Amino acid sequence: MKRVRTLRLRDTFPLDSAAPSWAHDFARKVEIALANYMVDPNFGPFTYKSDIITRMTDAQVDTFDTLLNQTTPRMRLTWEAITAVYHRGTFFPEFYGMFVDEFGQAEADRILATSGA
């Protein structure tokens, strides 16, 4: 009986009972790794904190610093702990909303554009 491993509904390579066990083990590990990769919020588009700061004007940096001091401790501590803002992370919607409220959507999109793009 032929067994076909698939990735996101696409046939990738056939494995049958004659295939060595390491091939089945490898295929299983790849499937698990890709499944975790697709849902992990720390993968995908991100913006380095240093890019965010350099894209802002001096007035925007002053405003952002004031907002950070007035926001929730969780958001402030999260900002201090991270090196990049991942766009799929749980932190991003609140962070993006703060930028849109203060600077407008076009400016927020410019400041928070993905790094290296």
C-alpha atoms as a PDB file:
ATOM      1  CA  MET A   1       0.000   0.000   0.000  1.00  0.00           C
ATOM      2  CA  LYS A   2       1.403   3.373  -1.014  1.00  0.00           C
ATOM      3  CA  ARG A   3       1.392   6.192   1.524  1.00  0.00           C
ATOM      4  CA  VAL A   4       1.610   9.776   0.304  1.00  0.00           C
ATOM      5  CA  ARG A   5       2.823  12.572   2.554  1.00  0.00           C
ATOM      6  CA  THR A   6       1.279  15.938   1.807  1.00  0.00           C
ATOM      7  CA  LEU A   7       2.009  19.507   2.778  1.00  0.00           C
ATOM      8  CA  ARG A   8      -0.987  21.810   2.627  1.00  0.00           C
ATOM      9  CA  LEU A   9      -2.917  19.567   0.209  1.00  0.00           C
ATOM     10  CA  ARG A  10      -0.031  19.240  -2.260  1.00  0.00           C
ATOM     11  CA  ASP A  11       1.614  15.891  -2.891  1.00  0.00           C
ATOM     12  CA  THR A  12       5.248  16.144  -1.995  1.00  0.00           C
ATOM     13  CA  PHE A  13       6.701  12.673  -2.240  1.00  0.00           C
ATOM     14  CA  PRO A  14       5.326   9.147  -2.108  1.00  0.00           C
ATOM     15  CA  LEU A  15       6.330   6.789   0.676  1.00  0.00           C
ATOM     16  CA  ASP A  16       5.395   3.139   0.484  1.00  0.00           C
ATOM     17  CA  SER A  17       6.019   0.222   2.782  1.00  0.00           C
ATOM     18  CA  ALA A  18       9.364  -0.427   1.047  1.00  0.00           C
ATOM     19  CA  ALA A  19      10.708   2.994   2.079  1.00  0.00           C
ATOM     20  CA  PRO A  20      13.162   2.900   4.986  1.00  0.00           C
ATOM     21  CA  SER A  21      11.837   3.872   8.418  1.00  0.00           C
ATOM     22  CA  TRP A  22      14.096   6.935   8.565  1.00  0.00           C
ATOM     23  CA  ALA A  23      12.254   8.361   5.532  1.00  0.00           C
ATOM     24  CA  HIS A  24       8.914   8.046   7.330  1.00  0.00           C
ATOM     25  CA  ASP A  25      10.404   9.573  10.503  1.00  0.00           C
ATOM     26  CA  PHE A  26      11.924  12.440   8.522  1.00  0.00           C
ATOM     27  CA  ALA A  27       8.631  13.126   6.725  1.00  0.00           C
ATOM     28  CA  ARG A  28       6.774  13.200  10.052  1.00  0.00           C
ATOM     29  CA  LYS A  29       9.305  15.651  11.529  1.00  0.00           C
ATOM     30  CA  VAL A  30       9.038  17.921   8.499  1.00  0.00           C
ATOM     31  CA  GLU A  31       5.245  17.951   8.725  1.00  0.00           C
ATOM     32  CA  ILE A  32       5.379  18.834  12.428  1.00  0.00           C
ATOM     33  CA  ALA A  33       7.999  21.542  11.885  1.00  0.00           C
ATOM     34  CA  LEU A  34       6.021  23.143   9.065  1.00  0.00           C
ATOM     35  CA  ALA A  35       2.790  23.022  11.046  1.00  0.00           C
ATOM     36  CA  ASN A  36       4.492  24.779  13.956  1.00  0.00           C
ATOM     37  CA  TYR A  37       6.141  27.277  11.618  1.00  0.00           C
ATOM     38  CA  MET A  38       2.846  28.301  10.072  1.00  0.00           C
ATOM     39  CA  VAL A  39       1.100  29.063  13.375  1.00  0.00           C
ATOM     40  CA  ASP A  40       3.961  30.408  15.473  1.00  0.00           C
ATOM     41  CA  PRO A  41       3.496  34.179  15.900  1.00  0.00           C
ATOM     42  CA  ASN A  42       7.267  34.686  16.093  1.00  0.00           C
ATOM     43  CA  PHE A  43       7.643  33.809  12.416  1.00  0.00           C
ATOM     44  CA  GLY A  44       6.572  35.868   9.487  1.00  0.00           C
ATOM     45  CA  PRO A  45       6.744  39.601   8.937  1.00  0.00           C
ATOM     46  CA  PHE A  46       8.392  41.683  11.635  1.00  0.00           C
ATOM     47  CA  THR A  47       9.830  45.144  12.268  1.00  0.00           C
ATOM     48  CA  TYR A  48      12.980  45.714  14.292  1.00  0.00           C
ATOM     49  CA  LYS A  49      12.604  48.189  17.142  1.00  0.00           C
ATOM     50  CA  SER A  50      15.605  50.090  15.812  1.00  0.00           C
ATOM     51  CA  ASP A  51      13.825  50.531  12.453  1.00  0.00           C
ATOM     52  CA  ILE A  52      10.731  51.843  14.220  1.00  0.00           C
ATOM     53  CA  ILE A  53      12.750  54.440  16.108  1.00  0.00           C
ATOM     54  CA  THR A  54      14.790  55.560  13.079  1.00  0.00           C
ATOM     55  CA  ARG A  55      11.663  55.933  10.917  1.00  0.00           C
ATOM     56  CA  MET A  56      10.049  58.316  13.408  1.00  0.00           C
ATOM     57  CA  THR A  57      10.713  62.033  13.589  1.00  0.00           C
ATOM     58  CA  ASP A  58      12.020  63.516  16.840  1.00  0.00           C
ATOM     59  CA  ALA A  59       8.520  64.771  17.695  1.00  0.00           C
ATOM     60  CA  GLN A  60       7.054  61.304  17.050  1.00  0.00           C
ATOM     61  CA  VAL A  61       9.709  59.699  19.256  1.00  0.00           C
ATOM     62  CA  ASP A  62       8.836  62.128  22.076  1.00  0.00           C
ATOM     63  CA  THR A  63       5.130  61.366  21.653  1.00  0.00           C
ATOM     64  CA  PHE A  64       5.797  57.617  21.554  1.00  0.00           C
ATOM     65  CA  ASP A  65       7.919  57.797  24.707  1.00  0.00           C
ATOM     66  CA  THR A  66       5.128  59.668  26.501  1.00  0.00           C
ATOM     67  CA  LEU A  67       2.550  57.119  25.319  1.00  0.00           C
ATOM     68  CA  LEU A  68       4.724  54.221  26.480  1.00  0.00           C
ATOM     69  CA  ASN A  69       4.962  55.738  29.949  1.00  0.00           C
ATOM     70  CA  GLN A  70       1.158  56.138  30.063  1.00  0.00           C
ATOM     71  CA  THR A  71       0.247  52.713  28.699  1.00  0.00           C
ATOM     72  CA  THR A  72      -0.263  49.472  30.588  1.00  0.00           C
ATOM     73  CA  PRO A  73       2.729  47.952  32.369  1.00  0.00           C
ATOM     74  CA  ARG A  74       2.366  44.843  30.175  1.00  0.00           C
ATOM     75  CA  MET A  75       2.761  46.826  26.964  1.00  0.00           C
ATOM     76  CA  ARG A  76       5.661  48.901  28.304  1.00  0.00           C
ATOM     77  CA  LEU A  77       7.513  45.862  29.640  1.00  0.00           C
ATOM     78  CA  THR A  78       6.867  43.930  26.437  1.00  0.00           C
ATOM     79  CA  TRP A  79       8.325  46.790  24.382  1.00  0.00           C
ATOM     80  CA  GLU A  80      11.404  46.859  26.598  1.00  0.00           C
ATOM     81  CA  ALA A  81      11.904  43.086  26.361  1.00  0.00           C
ATOM     82  CA  ILE A  82      11.600  42.530  22.609  1.00  0.00           C
ATOM     83  CA  THR A  83      14.027  43.237  19.764  1.00  0.00           C
ATOM     84  CA  ALA A  84      11.412  43.087  17.013  1.00  0.00           C
ATOM     85  CA  VAL A  85       7.654  43.488  16.681  1.00  0.00           C
ATOM     86  CA  TYR A  86       6.181  40.423  14.946  1.00  0.00           C
ATOM     87  CA  HIS A  87       3.097  41.290  12.918  1.00  0.00           C
ATOM     88  CA  ARG A  88       1.406  37.961  13.722  1.00  0.00           C
ATOM     89  CA  GLY A  89       2.086  38.256  17.455  1.00  0.00           C
ATOM     90  CA  THR A  90      -0.501  39.019  20.108  1.00  0.00           C
ATOM     91  CA  PHE A  91       1.256  42.316  20.897  1.00  0.00           C
ATOM     92  CA  PHE A  92       0.950  43.778  17.377  1.00  0.00           C
ATOM     93  CA  PRO A  93      -2.772  44.734  17.146  1.00  0.00           C
ATOM     94  CA  GLU A  94      -2.634  46.843  20.298  1.00  0.00           C
ATOM     95  CA  PHE A  95       0.707  48.330  19.286  1.00  0.00           C
ATOM     96  CA  TYR A  96      -0.484  49.103  15.758  1.00  0.00           C
ATOM     97  CA  GLY A  97      -3.692  50.638  17.116  1.00  0.00           C
ATOM     98  CA  MET A  98      -1.682  52.949  19.344  1.00  0.00           C
ATOM     99  CA  PHE A  99       0.326  54.171  16.331  1.00  0.00           C
ATOM    100  CA  VAL A 100      -2.795  54.633  14.177  1.00  0.00           C
ATOM    101  CA  ASP A 101      -4.577  56.588  16.919  1.00  0.00           C
ATOM    102  CA  GLU A 102      -1.614  58.893  17.417  1.00  0.00           C
ATOM    103  CA  PHE A 103      -0.080  59.283  13.938  1.00  0.00           C
ATOM    104  CA  GLY A 104      -2.753  58.131  11.457  1.00  0.00           C
ATOM    105  CA  GLN A 105      -2.905  54.938   9.431  1.00  0.00           C
ATOM    106  CA  ALA A 106      -0.587  55.963   6.585  1.00  0.00           C
ATOM    107  CA  GLU A 107       2.143  57.072   8.992  1.00  0.00           C
ATOM    108  CA  ALA A 108       1.666  53.978  11.175  1.00  0.00           C
ATOM    109  CA  ASP A 109       2.031  51.771   8.090  1.00  0.00           C
ATOM    110  CA  ARG A 110       5.212  53.618   7.087  1.00  0.00           C
ATOM    111  CA  ILE A 111       6.776  53.387  10.554  1.00  0.00           C
ATOM    112  CA  LEU A 112       5.800  49.752  11.124  1.00  0.00           C
ATOM    113  CA  ALA A 113       6.626  48.480   7.632  1.00  0.00           C
ATOM    114  CA  THR A 114       8.442  45.169   7.692  1.00  0.00           C
ATOM    115  CA  SER A 115      12.190  45.335   8.139  1.00  0.00           C
ATOM    116  CA  GLY A 116      14.380  44.411   5.212  1.00  0.00           C
ATOM    117  CA  ALA A 117      11.626  44.892   2.658  1.00  0.00           C
END
